[in-house]
């Protein structure tokens, strides 16, 4: 597999396929970072798209060995800017799942309720803790990678994850989340 460094260098020379591979490689992490900051899946998608466009425009400014951290900085800044400009929304987001009916299983409804509770609990975390939880637990990033992308020590990344999980345990309180939160 081609290293990120090589993909960045090829993308700088105009290789669209190389940039597409960078997008595929970093999309989920960028989305997790955006979602951690915006709290809204649609806004997070917008932030990610805008961030990749900005990254492509400014690719010459990037240290190829730090592309991931550089990209996530762009994502966090764009998300922050979006949040500042859209602080007051006209209404609450529409529910994405219809009420339970004959074609819906109890398990699907339970999973939706659990997801909604987790989303609400995640929203109570500070941005950095929310981002670390999503990158570590959703994306499978190692503490070293998270620390590098956020510009903090590995010990601090671990501490933020510990604090976030403790807060989530209290907020969620139920045994359903026990397996996730004790991981």
N, C-alpha and C. Protein backbone atom coordinates (compact mmCIF):
# COMPACT_ATOMS: atom_id res chain seq x y z
N UNK A 1 0.85 -1.19 0.00
CA UNK A 1 0.00 0.00 0.00
C UNK A 1 0.89 1.25 0.00
N UNK A 2 0.48 2.21 -0.73
CA UNK A 2 1.24 3.45 -0.84
C UNK A 2 1.08 4.26 0.43
N UNK A 3 2.17 4.81 0.92
CA UNK A 3 2.15 5.64 2.12
C UNK A 3 1.44 6.96 1.86
N UNK A 4 0.97 7.53 2.94
CA UNK A 4 0.31 8.84 2.87
C UNK A 4 1.25 9.86 2.24
N UNK A 5 2.50 9.84 2.64
CA UNK A 5 3.48 10.80 2.12
C UNK A 5 3.53 10.75 0.59
N UNK A 6 3.58 9.56 0.05
CA UNK A 6 3.64 9.41 -1.41
C UNK A 6 2.36 9.90 -2.07
N UNK A 7 1.24 9.62 -1.44
CA UNK A 7 -0.04 10.08 -2.00
C UNK A 7 -0.12 11.61 -2.01
N UNK A 8 0.35 12.23 -0.94
CA UNK A 8 0.36 13.70 -0.88
C UNK A 8 1.24 14.25 -2.00
N UNK A 9 2.41 13.69 -2.15
CA UNK A 9 3.33 14.18 -3.18
C UNK A 9 2.74 13.99 -4.58
N UNK A 10 2.11 12.85 -4.82
CA UNK A 10 1.47 12.63 -6.13
C UNK A 10 0.30 13.58 -6.34
N UNK A 11 -0.49 13.82 -5.28
CA UNK A 11 -1.63 14.74 -5.39
C UNK A 11 -1.14 16.15 -5.68
N UNK A 12 -0.03 16.54 -5.10
CA UNK A 12 0.55 17.86 -5.37
C UNK A 12 0.90 18.02 -6.85
N UNK A 13 1.27 16.92 -7.49
CA UNK A 13 1.64 16.97 -8.91
C UNK A 13 0.41 16.86 -9.81
N UNK A 14 -0.78 16.84 -9.20
CA UNK A 14 -2.01 16.83 -9.99
C UNK A 14 -2.65 15.48 -10.19
N UNK A 15 -2.19 14.47 -9.48
CA UNK A 15 -2.75 13.12 -9.60
C UNK A 15 -4.06 13.07 -8.80
N UNK A 16 -5.18 13.17 -9.51
CA UNK A 16 -6.50 13.18 -8.86
C UNK A 16 -6.77 11.86 -8.14
N UNK A 17 -6.30 10.77 -8.70
CA UNK A 17 -6.49 9.46 -8.07
C UNK A 17 -5.80 9.38 -6.72
N UNK A 18 -4.64 10.00 -6.60
CA UNK A 18 -3.92 10.01 -5.32
C UNK A 18 -4.72 10.79 -4.27
N UNK A 19 -5.27 11.93 -4.67
CA UNK A 19 -6.05 12.70 -3.71
C UNK A 19 -7.32 11.94 -3.33
N UNK A 20 -7.91 11.25 -4.29
CA UNK A 20 -9.10 10.45 -3.99
C UNK A 20 -8.77 9.36 -2.96
N UNK A 21 -7.60 8.76 -3.07
CA UNK A 21 -7.19 7.75 -2.09
C UNK A 21 -6.98 8.38 -0.71
N UNK A 22 -6.47 9.60 -0.68
CA UNK A 22 -6.33 10.30 0.60
C UNK A 22 -7.70 10.55 1.22
N UNK A 23 -8.64 10.95 0.38
CA UNK A 23 -10.00 11.19 0.87
C UNK A 23 -10.57 9.91 1.46
N UNK A 24 -10.44 8.81 0.73
CA UNK A 24 -10.97 7.53 1.22
C UNK A 24 -10.28 7.10 2.51
N UNK A 25 -8.98 7.35 2.61
CA UNK A 25 -8.22 6.92 3.79
C UNK A 25 -8.57 7.74 5.03
N UNK A 26 -8.89 9.02 4.85
CA UNK A 26 -9.08 9.90 6.00
C UNK A 26 -10.52 10.37 6.19
N UNK A 27 -11.44 9.93 5.36
CA UNK A 27 -12.81 10.43 5.43
C UNK A 27 -13.46 10.14 6.79
N UNK A 28 -13.38 8.90 7.24
CA UNK A 28 -14.06 8.52 8.48
C UNK A 28 -13.51 9.30 9.68
N UNK A 29 -12.20 9.45 9.73
CA UNK A 29 -11.60 10.21 10.84
C UNK A 29 -12.03 11.67 10.77
N UNK A 30 -12.05 12.23 9.56
CA UNK A 30 -12.48 13.61 9.39
C UNK A 30 -13.95 13.76 9.80
N UNK A 31 -14.76 12.80 9.42
CA UNK A 31 -16.18 12.85 9.78
C UNK A 31 -16.34 12.76 11.30
N UNK A 32 -15.60 11.87 11.94
CA UNK A 32 -15.68 11.75 13.41
C UNK A 32 -15.30 13.06 14.08
N UNK A 33 -14.24 13.68 13.60
CA UNK A 33 -13.81 14.96 14.18
C UNK A 33 -14.87 16.04 13.95
N UNK A 34 -15.45 16.07 12.76
CA UNK A 34 -16.48 17.07 12.46
C UNK A 34 -17.74 16.83 13.30
N UNK A 35 -18.13 15.58 13.41
CA UNK A 35 -19.32 15.25 14.20
C UNK A 35 -19.09 15.60 15.67
N UNK A 36 -17.88 15.37 16.14
CA UNK A 36 -17.56 15.71 17.53
C UNK A 36 -17.74 17.20 17.78
N UNK A 37 -17.47 18.00 16.79
CA UNK A 37 -17.55 19.46 16.95
C UNK A 37 -18.93 20.02 16.63
N UNK A 38 -19.61 19.44 15.63
CA UNK A 38 -20.90 20.01 15.22
C UNK A 38 -22.08 19.37 15.94
N UNK A 39 -21.97 18.07 16.25
CA UNK A 39 -23.07 17.37 16.89
C UNK A 39 -24.20 17.03 15.94
N UNK A 40 -24.02 17.31 14.66
CA UNK A 40 -25.08 17.08 13.67
C UNK A 40 -24.48 16.36 12.46
N UNK A 41 -25.01 15.18 12.12
CA UNK A 41 -24.44 14.41 11.01
C UNK A 41 -24.41 15.15 9.68
N UNK A 42 -25.45 15.90 9.36
CA UNK A 42 -25.48 16.60 8.07
C UNK A 42 -24.46 17.75 8.06
N UNK A 43 -24.37 18.47 9.17
CA UNK A 43 -23.36 19.53 9.27
C UNK A 43 -21.96 18.94 9.19
N UNK A 44 -21.78 17.79 9.83
CA UNK A 44 -20.47 17.14 9.81
C UNK A 44 -20.08 16.77 8.38
N UNK A 45 -21.02 16.25 7.62
CA UNK A 45 -20.73 15.92 6.21
C UNK A 45 -20.34 17.17 5.43
N UNK A 46 -21.05 18.27 5.65
CA UNK A 46 -20.71 19.52 4.97
C UNK A 46 -19.30 19.98 5.35
N UNK A 47 -19.00 19.92 6.62
CA UNK A 47 -17.68 20.33 7.09
C UNK A 47 -16.59 19.48 6.44
N UNK A 48 -16.81 18.18 6.38
CA UNK A 48 -15.81 17.28 5.79
C UNK A 48 -15.60 17.61 4.31
N UNK A 49 -16.68 17.79 3.59
CA UNK A 49 -16.54 18.12 2.17
C UNK A 49 -15.78 19.43 1.98
N UNK A 50 -16.16 20.45 2.73
CA UNK A 50 -15.48 21.74 2.63
C UNK A 50 -14.01 21.61 3.02
N UNK A 51 -13.74 20.79 4.01
CA UNK A 51 -12.37 20.61 4.49
C UNK A 51 -11.49 19.94 3.44
N UNK A 52 -12.02 18.95 2.77
CA UNK A 52 -11.22 18.30 1.72
C UNK A 52 -10.97 19.25 0.55
N UNK A 53 -11.94 20.07 0.23
CA UNK A 53 -11.73 21.07 -0.83
C UNK A 53 -10.63 22.03 -0.41
N UNK A 54 -10.70 22.51 0.83
CA UNK A 54 -9.68 23.43 1.35
C UNK A 54 -8.32 22.73 1.39
N UNK A 55 -8.29 21.48 1.78
CA UNK A 55 -7.03 20.73 1.84
C UNK A 55 -6.42 20.61 0.44
N UNK A 56 -7.24 20.34 -0.56
CA UNK A 56 -6.74 20.24 -1.92
C UNK A 56 -6.18 21.58 -2.39
N UNK A 57 -6.89 22.65 -2.08
CA UNK A 57 -6.44 23.99 -2.47
C UNK A 57 -5.11 24.36 -1.82
N UNK A 58 -4.87 23.87 -0.60
CA UNK A 58 -3.70 24.28 0.17
C UNK A 58 -2.71 23.14 0.38
N UNK A 59 -2.77 22.13 -0.45
CA UNK A 59 -1.95 20.94 -0.28
C UNK A 59 -0.45 21.24 -0.25
N UNK A 60 -0.04 22.29 -0.94
CA UNK A 60 1.38 22.65 -0.94
C UNK A 60 1.87 23.13 0.43
N UNK A 61 0.95 23.52 1.30
CA UNK A 61 1.32 24.00 2.63
C UNK A 61 1.49 22.86 3.64
N UNK A 62 1.13 21.66 3.22
CA UNK A 62 1.10 20.51 4.13
C UNK A 62 2.44 19.80 4.19
N UNK A 63 2.85 19.43 5.39
CA UNK A 63 3.99 18.53 5.57
C UNK A 63 3.45 17.12 5.27
N UNK A 64 3.94 16.47 4.21
CA UNK A 64 3.39 15.16 3.82
C UNK A 64 3.38 14.12 4.94
N UNK A 65 4.29 14.24 5.89
CA UNK A 65 4.35 13.28 7.00
C UNK A 65 3.29 13.56 8.06
N UNK A 66 2.65 14.71 7.99
CA UNK A 66 1.64 15.08 8.99
C UNK A 66 0.29 15.38 8.34
N UNK A 67 0.02 14.77 7.20
CA UNK A 67 -1.21 15.07 6.47
C UNK A 67 -2.45 14.86 7.34
N UNK A 68 -2.53 13.73 8.05
CA UNK A 68 -3.71 13.44 8.86
C UNK A 68 -3.96 14.50 9.92
N UNK A 69 -2.94 14.86 10.64
CA UNK A 69 -3.08 15.89 11.68
C UNK A 69 -3.44 17.23 11.06
N UNK A 70 -2.80 17.55 9.94
CA UNK A 70 -3.07 18.81 9.23
C UNK A 70 -4.53 18.86 8.77
N UNK A 71 -5.01 17.76 8.18
CA UNK A 71 -6.39 17.70 7.71
C UNK A 71 -7.37 17.85 8.88
N UNK A 72 -7.12 17.16 9.98
CA UNK A 72 -8.04 17.24 11.11
C UNK A 72 -8.05 18.64 11.73
N UNK A 73 -6.96 19.35 11.63
CA UNK A 73 -6.94 20.74 12.08
C UNK A 73 -7.88 21.58 11.21
N UNK A 74 -7.82 21.36 9.90
CA UNK A 74 -8.73 22.06 8.98
C UNK A 74 -10.17 21.72 9.33
N UNK A 75 -10.46 20.44 9.56
CA UNK A 75 -11.82 19.99 9.89
C UNK A 75 -12.30 20.67 11.18
N UNK A 76 -11.47 20.65 12.20
CA UNK A 76 -11.88 21.26 13.48
C UNK A 76 -12.13 22.76 13.31
N UNK A 77 -11.28 23.43 12.56
CA UNK A 77 -11.47 24.87 12.35
C UNK A 77 -12.75 25.15 11.56
N UNK A 78 -13.01 24.37 10.52
CA UNK A 78 -14.23 24.57 9.73
C UNK A 78 -15.47 24.30 10.58
N UNK A 79 -15.40 23.25 11.39
CA UNK A 79 -16.54 22.92 12.25
C UNK A 79 -16.78 24.03 13.27
N UNK A 80 -15.70 24.54 13.83
CA UNK A 80 -15.82 25.64 14.78
C UNK A 80 -16.46 26.86 14.12
N UNK A 81 -15.99 27.18 12.93
CA UNK A 81 -16.55 28.32 12.20
C UNK A 81 -18.02 28.11 11.89
N UNK A 82 -18.38 26.89 11.48
CA UNK A 82 -19.79 26.60 11.18
C UNK A 82 -20.63 26.76 12.43
N UNK A 83 -20.15 26.23 13.52
CA UNK A 83 -20.90 26.29 14.77
C UNK A 83 -21.09 27.74 15.22
N UNK A 84 -20.06 28.55 15.07
CA UNK A 84 -20.16 29.96 15.45
C UNK A 84 -21.17 30.70 14.58
N UNK A 85 -21.21 30.39 13.30
CA UNK A 85 -22.11 31.09 12.38
C UNK A 85 -23.56 30.58 12.45
N UNK A 86 -23.73 29.38 12.96
CA UNK A 86 -25.08 28.81 13.01
C UNK A 86 -25.49 28.46 14.43
N UNK A 87 -25.14 29.30 15.36
CA UNK A 87 -25.43 29.02 16.77
C UNK A 87 -26.92 28.84 17.04
N UNK A 88 -27.72 29.62 16.40
CA UNK A 88 -29.15 29.53 16.64
C UNK A 88 -29.81 28.90 15.42
N UNK A 89 -30.43 27.79 15.62
CA UNK A 89 -31.12 27.10 14.52
C UNK A 89 -32.62 27.36 14.62
N UNK A 90 -33.25 27.30 13.47
CA UNK A 90 -34.69 27.59 13.42
C UNK A 90 -35.51 26.55 14.18
N UNK A 91 -35.10 25.29 14.17
CA UNK A 91 -35.88 24.27 14.85
C UNK A 91 -35.03 23.06 15.16
N UNK A 92 -35.61 22.14 15.87
CA UNK A 92 -34.92 20.91 16.21
C UNK A 92 -34.83 20.01 14.98
N UNK A 93 -33.77 19.20 14.91
CA UNK A 93 -33.67 18.28 13.78
C UNK A 93 -34.80 17.26 13.81
N UNK A 94 -35.22 16.86 12.63
CA UNK A 94 -36.27 15.86 12.53
C UNK A 94 -35.73 14.51 12.98
N UNK A 95 -36.57 13.73 13.58
CA UNK A 95 -36.18 12.37 13.95
C UNK A 95 -35.93 11.58 12.67
N UNK A 96 -34.91 10.77 12.71
CA UNK A 96 -34.55 10.00 11.52
C UNK A 96 -35.23 8.65 11.46
N UNK A 97 -35.89 8.29 12.52
CA UNK A 97 -36.52 6.96 12.55
C UNK A 97 -37.99 7.10 12.89
N UNK A 98 -38.82 6.45 12.12
CA UNK A 98 -40.26 6.50 12.37
C UNK A 98 -40.59 5.72 13.64
N UNK A 99 -41.74 5.99 14.18
CA UNK A 99 -42.18 5.27 15.36
C UNK A 99 -42.31 3.79 15.06
N UNK A 100 -42.25 3.01 16.08
CA UNK A 100 -42.33 1.56 15.90
C UNK A 100 -43.67 1.17 15.30
N UNK A 101 -43.62 0.24 14.42
CA UNK A 101 -44.83 -0.26 13.79
C UNK A 101 -44.68 -1.75 13.57
N UNK A 102 -45.62 -2.34 12.82
CA UNK A 102 -45.56 -3.79 12.63
C UNK A 102 -44.28 -4.24 11.91
N UNK A 103 -43.72 -3.38 11.07
CA UNK A 103 -42.53 -3.77 10.33
C UNK A 103 -41.23 -3.44 11.07
N UNK A 104 -41.31 -2.82 12.23
CA UNK A 104 -40.11 -2.45 13.01
C UNK A 104 -39.97 -3.43 14.17
N UNK A 105 -38.79 -3.89 14.39
CA UNK A 105 -38.58 -4.80 15.51
C UNK A 105 -38.31 -4.01 16.77
N UNK A 106 -38.58 -4.63 17.89
CA UNK A 106 -38.29 -4.00 19.17
C UNK A 106 -36.80 -3.71 19.27
N UNK A 107 -35.97 -4.60 18.71
CA UNK A 107 -34.52 -4.42 18.77
C UNK A 107 -34.10 -3.16 18.02
N UNK A 108 -34.70 -2.89 16.87
CA UNK A 108 -34.36 -1.69 16.10
C UNK A 108 -34.73 -0.43 16.88
N UNK A 109 -35.88 -0.46 17.52
CA UNK A 109 -36.32 0.68 18.32
C UNK A 109 -35.37 0.87 19.50
N UNK A 110 -35.01 -0.24 20.14
CA UNK A 110 -34.09 -0.18 21.27
C UNK A 110 -32.73 0.39 20.85
N UNK A 111 -32.23 -0.05 19.70
CA UNK A 111 -30.95 0.45 19.19
C UNK A 111 -31.04 1.94 18.88
N UNK A 112 -32.17 2.36 18.31
CA UNK A 112 -32.35 3.78 18.02
C UNK A 112 -32.35 4.61 19.31
N UNK A 113 -33.07 4.13 20.31
CA UNK A 113 -33.13 4.84 21.58
C UNK A 113 -31.76 4.90 22.24
N UNK A 114 -31.02 3.80 22.16
CA UNK A 114 -29.67 3.75 22.71
C UNK A 114 -28.75 4.72 21.98
N UNK A 115 -28.88 4.76 20.65
CA UNK A 115 -28.08 5.68 19.84
C UNK A 115 -28.40 7.13 20.17
N UNK A 116 -29.69 7.40 20.35
CA UNK A 116 -30.10 8.76 20.69
C UNK A 116 -29.55 9.16 22.07
N UNK A 117 -29.59 8.23 23.01
CA UNK A 117 -29.06 8.51 24.35
C UNK A 117 -27.56 8.74 24.30
N UNK A 118 -26.86 7.95 23.51
CA UNK A 118 -25.41 8.10 23.38
C UNK A 118 -25.07 9.44 22.72
N UNK A 119 -25.80 9.80 21.67
CA UNK A 119 -25.58 11.08 20.99
C UNK A 119 -25.80 12.24 21.96
N UNK A 120 -26.85 12.15 22.76
CA UNK A 120 -27.14 13.20 23.73
C UNK A 120 -26.04 13.27 24.79
N UNK A 121 -25.58 12.12 25.25
CA UNK A 121 -24.50 12.09 26.25
C UNK A 121 -23.19 12.61 25.66
N UNK A 122 -22.88 12.24 24.42
CA UNK A 122 -21.67 12.74 23.77
C UNK A 122 -21.68 14.26 23.65
N UNK A 123 -22.86 14.82 23.45
CA UNK A 123 -22.99 16.27 23.30
C UNK A 123 -22.63 17.01 24.59
N UNK A 124 -22.65 16.32 25.71
CA UNK A 124 -22.31 16.97 26.98
C UNK A 124 -20.80 17.04 27.21
N UNK A 125 -20.03 16.30 26.43
CA UNK A 125 -18.58 16.27 26.60
C UNK A 125 -17.93 17.51 25.98
N UNK A 126 -16.80 17.92 26.52
CA UNK A 126 -16.03 18.98 25.84
C UNK A 126 -15.61 18.47 24.46
N UNK A 127 -15.41 19.39 23.52
CA UNK A 127 -15.08 19.01 22.14
C UNK A 127 -13.92 18.03 22.06
N UNK A 128 -12.85 18.28 22.78
CA UNK A 128 -11.67 17.44 22.66
C UNK A 128 -11.96 16.02 23.16
N UNK A 129 -12.71 15.89 24.23
CA UNK A 129 -13.05 14.55 24.74
C UNK A 129 -13.97 13.82 23.77
N UNK A 130 -14.94 14.53 23.22
CA UNK A 130 -15.86 13.92 22.26
C UNK A 130 -15.09 13.43 21.04
N UNK A 131 -14.16 14.25 20.55
CA UNK A 131 -13.37 13.88 19.39
C UNK A 131 -12.51 12.66 19.69
N UNK A 132 -11.91 12.62 20.86
CA UNK A 132 -11.06 11.49 21.23
C UNK A 132 -11.89 10.21 21.34
N UNK A 133 -13.06 10.28 21.95
CA UNK A 133 -13.92 9.10 22.05
C UNK A 133 -14.28 8.59 20.66
N UNK A 134 -14.67 9.49 19.77
CA UNK A 134 -15.07 9.07 18.43
C UNK A 134 -13.88 8.51 17.64
N UNK A 135 -12.74 9.15 17.72
CA UNK A 135 -11.58 8.66 16.99
C UNK A 135 -11.09 7.32 17.55
N UNK A 136 -11.07 7.18 18.87
CA UNK A 136 -10.57 5.96 19.49
C UNK A 136 -11.57 4.81 19.37
N UNK A 137 -12.79 5.05 19.82
CA UNK A 137 -13.76 3.97 19.91
C UNK A 137 -14.52 3.69 18.61
N UNK A 138 -14.72 4.70 17.79
CA UNK A 138 -15.43 4.51 16.53
C UNK A 138 -14.46 4.20 15.40
N UNK A 139 -13.38 4.93 15.34
CA UNK A 139 -12.44 4.79 14.23
C UNK A 139 -11.26 3.87 14.53
N UNK A 140 -11.07 3.52 15.78
CA UNK A 140 -10.00 2.61 16.14
C UNK A 140 -8.60 3.21 16.14
N UNK A 141 -8.52 4.54 16.24
CA UNK A 141 -7.21 5.19 16.27
C UNK A 141 -6.51 4.85 17.59
N UNK A 142 -5.21 4.75 17.54
CA UNK A 142 -4.38 4.51 18.72
C UNK A 142 -4.17 5.85 19.44
N UNK A 143 -3.85 5.78 20.73
CA UNK A 143 -3.63 7.00 21.51
C UNK A 143 -2.51 7.85 20.90
N UNK A 144 -1.49 7.20 20.38
CA UNK A 144 -0.37 7.91 19.76
C UNK A 144 -0.84 8.73 18.57
N UNK A 145 -1.71 8.15 17.74
CA UNK A 145 -2.23 8.84 16.56
C UNK A 145 -3.13 10.01 16.96
N UNK A 146 -3.93 9.79 17.96
CA UNK A 146 -4.84 10.85 18.43
C UNK A 146 -4.02 12.00 19.00
N UNK A 147 -3.04 11.67 19.82
CA UNK A 147 -2.20 12.70 20.43
C UNK A 147 -1.52 13.54 19.36
N UNK A 148 -1.00 12.88 18.34
CA UNK A 148 -0.32 13.59 17.26
C UNK A 148 -1.29 14.51 16.51
N UNK A 149 -2.49 14.01 16.23
CA UNK A 149 -3.44 14.82 15.47
C UNK A 149 -3.96 16.02 16.26
N UNK A 150 -4.02 15.89 17.57
CA UNK A 150 -4.54 16.98 18.41
C UNK A 150 -3.43 17.86 18.98
N UNK A 151 -2.18 17.44 18.80
CA UNK A 151 -1.07 18.23 19.34
C UNK A 151 -0.98 18.17 20.85
N UNK A 152 -1.32 17.01 21.42
CA UNK A 152 -1.23 16.81 22.87
C UNK A 152 -0.39 15.57 23.13
N UNK A 153 -0.06 15.35 24.39
CA UNK A 153 0.72 14.15 24.72
C UNK A 153 -0.17 12.92 24.69
N UNK A 154 0.46 11.77 24.55
CA UNK A 154 -0.28 10.51 24.56
C UNK A 154 -0.95 10.31 25.92
N UNK A 155 -0.27 10.70 26.98
CA UNK A 155 -0.83 10.60 28.33
C UNK A 155 -2.10 11.44 28.44
N UNK A 156 -2.06 12.65 27.88
CA UNK A 156 -3.23 13.52 27.93
C UNK A 156 -4.38 12.94 27.11
N UNK A 157 -4.06 12.34 25.97
CA UNK A 157 -5.11 11.69 25.16
C UNK A 157 -5.78 10.58 25.96
N UNK A 158 -4.98 9.78 26.65
CA UNK A 158 -5.53 8.70 27.49
C UNK A 158 -6.39 9.27 28.63
N UNK A 159 -5.91 10.34 29.23
CA UNK A 159 -6.65 10.97 30.33
C UNK A 159 -7.99 11.51 29.85
N UNK A 160 -7.99 12.16 28.69
CA UNK A 160 -9.26 12.67 28.14
C UNK A 160 -10.22 11.52 27.87
N UNK A 161 -9.73 10.42 27.32
CA UNK A 161 -10.60 9.27 27.05
C UNK A 161 -11.16 8.71 28.35
N UNK A 162 -10.32 8.58 29.36
CA UNK A 162 -10.76 8.09 30.67
C UNK A 162 -11.85 8.99 31.24
N UNK A 163 -11.62 10.29 31.22
CA UNK A 163 -12.60 11.25 31.76
C UNK A 163 -13.91 11.20 30.97
N UNK A 164 -13.79 11.12 29.64
CA UNK A 164 -14.98 11.08 28.79
C UNK A 164 -15.81 9.83 29.08
N UNK A 165 -15.15 8.69 29.18
CA UNK A 165 -15.89 7.45 29.46
C UNK A 165 -16.56 7.51 30.83
N UNK A 166 -15.90 8.09 31.80
CA UNK A 166 -16.48 8.21 33.13
C UNK A 166 -17.74 9.09 33.06
N UNK A 167 -17.64 10.20 32.35
CA UNK A 167 -18.79 11.09 32.19
C UNK A 167 -19.94 10.38 31.46
N UNK A 168 -19.60 9.63 30.42
CA UNK A 168 -20.63 8.91 29.67
C UNK A 168 -21.28 7.83 30.53
N UNK A 169 -20.49 7.14 31.35
CA UNK A 169 -21.04 6.12 32.25
C UNK A 169 -22.09 6.73 33.17
N UNK A 170 -21.79 7.89 33.72
CA UNK A 170 -22.73 8.56 34.63
C UNK A 170 -23.96 9.01 33.85
N UNK A 171 -23.74 9.60 32.67
CA UNK A 171 -24.86 10.13 31.88
C UNK A 171 -25.80 9.03 31.41
N UNK A 172 -25.22 7.90 31.04
CA UNK A 172 -26.03 6.83 30.48
C UNK A 172 -26.53 5.87 31.55
N UNK A 173 -25.71 5.60 32.52
CA UNK A 173 -26.11 4.85 33.69
C UNK A 173 -26.65 3.46 33.51
N UNK A 174 -27.15 3.09 32.36
CA UNK A 174 -27.78 1.80 32.20
C UNK A 174 -26.81 0.69 31.86
N UNK A 175 -27.18 -0.54 32.14
CA UNK A 175 -26.32 -1.69 31.86
C UNK A 175 -26.12 -1.93 30.36
N UNK A 176 -26.99 -1.40 29.51
CA UNK A 176 -26.89 -1.60 28.06
C UNK A 176 -25.56 -1.08 27.52
N UNK A 177 -25.06 -0.03 28.13
CA UNK A 177 -23.85 0.60 27.62
C UNK A 177 -22.60 0.10 28.36
N UNK A 178 -22.77 -0.79 29.31
CA UNK A 178 -21.67 -1.23 30.14
C UNK A 178 -20.49 -1.76 29.33
N UNK A 179 -20.78 -2.63 28.36
CA UNK A 179 -19.71 -3.23 27.55
C UNK A 179 -18.91 -2.16 26.79
N UNK A 180 -19.59 -1.22 26.18
CA UNK A 180 -18.91 -0.16 25.43
C UNK A 180 -18.07 0.72 26.36
N UNK A 181 -18.66 1.15 27.44
CA UNK A 181 -18.02 2.15 28.28
C UNK A 181 -16.88 1.59 29.11
N UNK A 182 -16.82 0.30 29.30
CA UNK A 182 -15.74 -0.28 30.09
C UNK A 182 -14.59 -0.76 29.21
N UNK A 183 -14.68 -0.51 27.88
CA UNK A 183 -13.65 -0.99 26.95
C UNK A 183 -12.35 -0.32 27.04
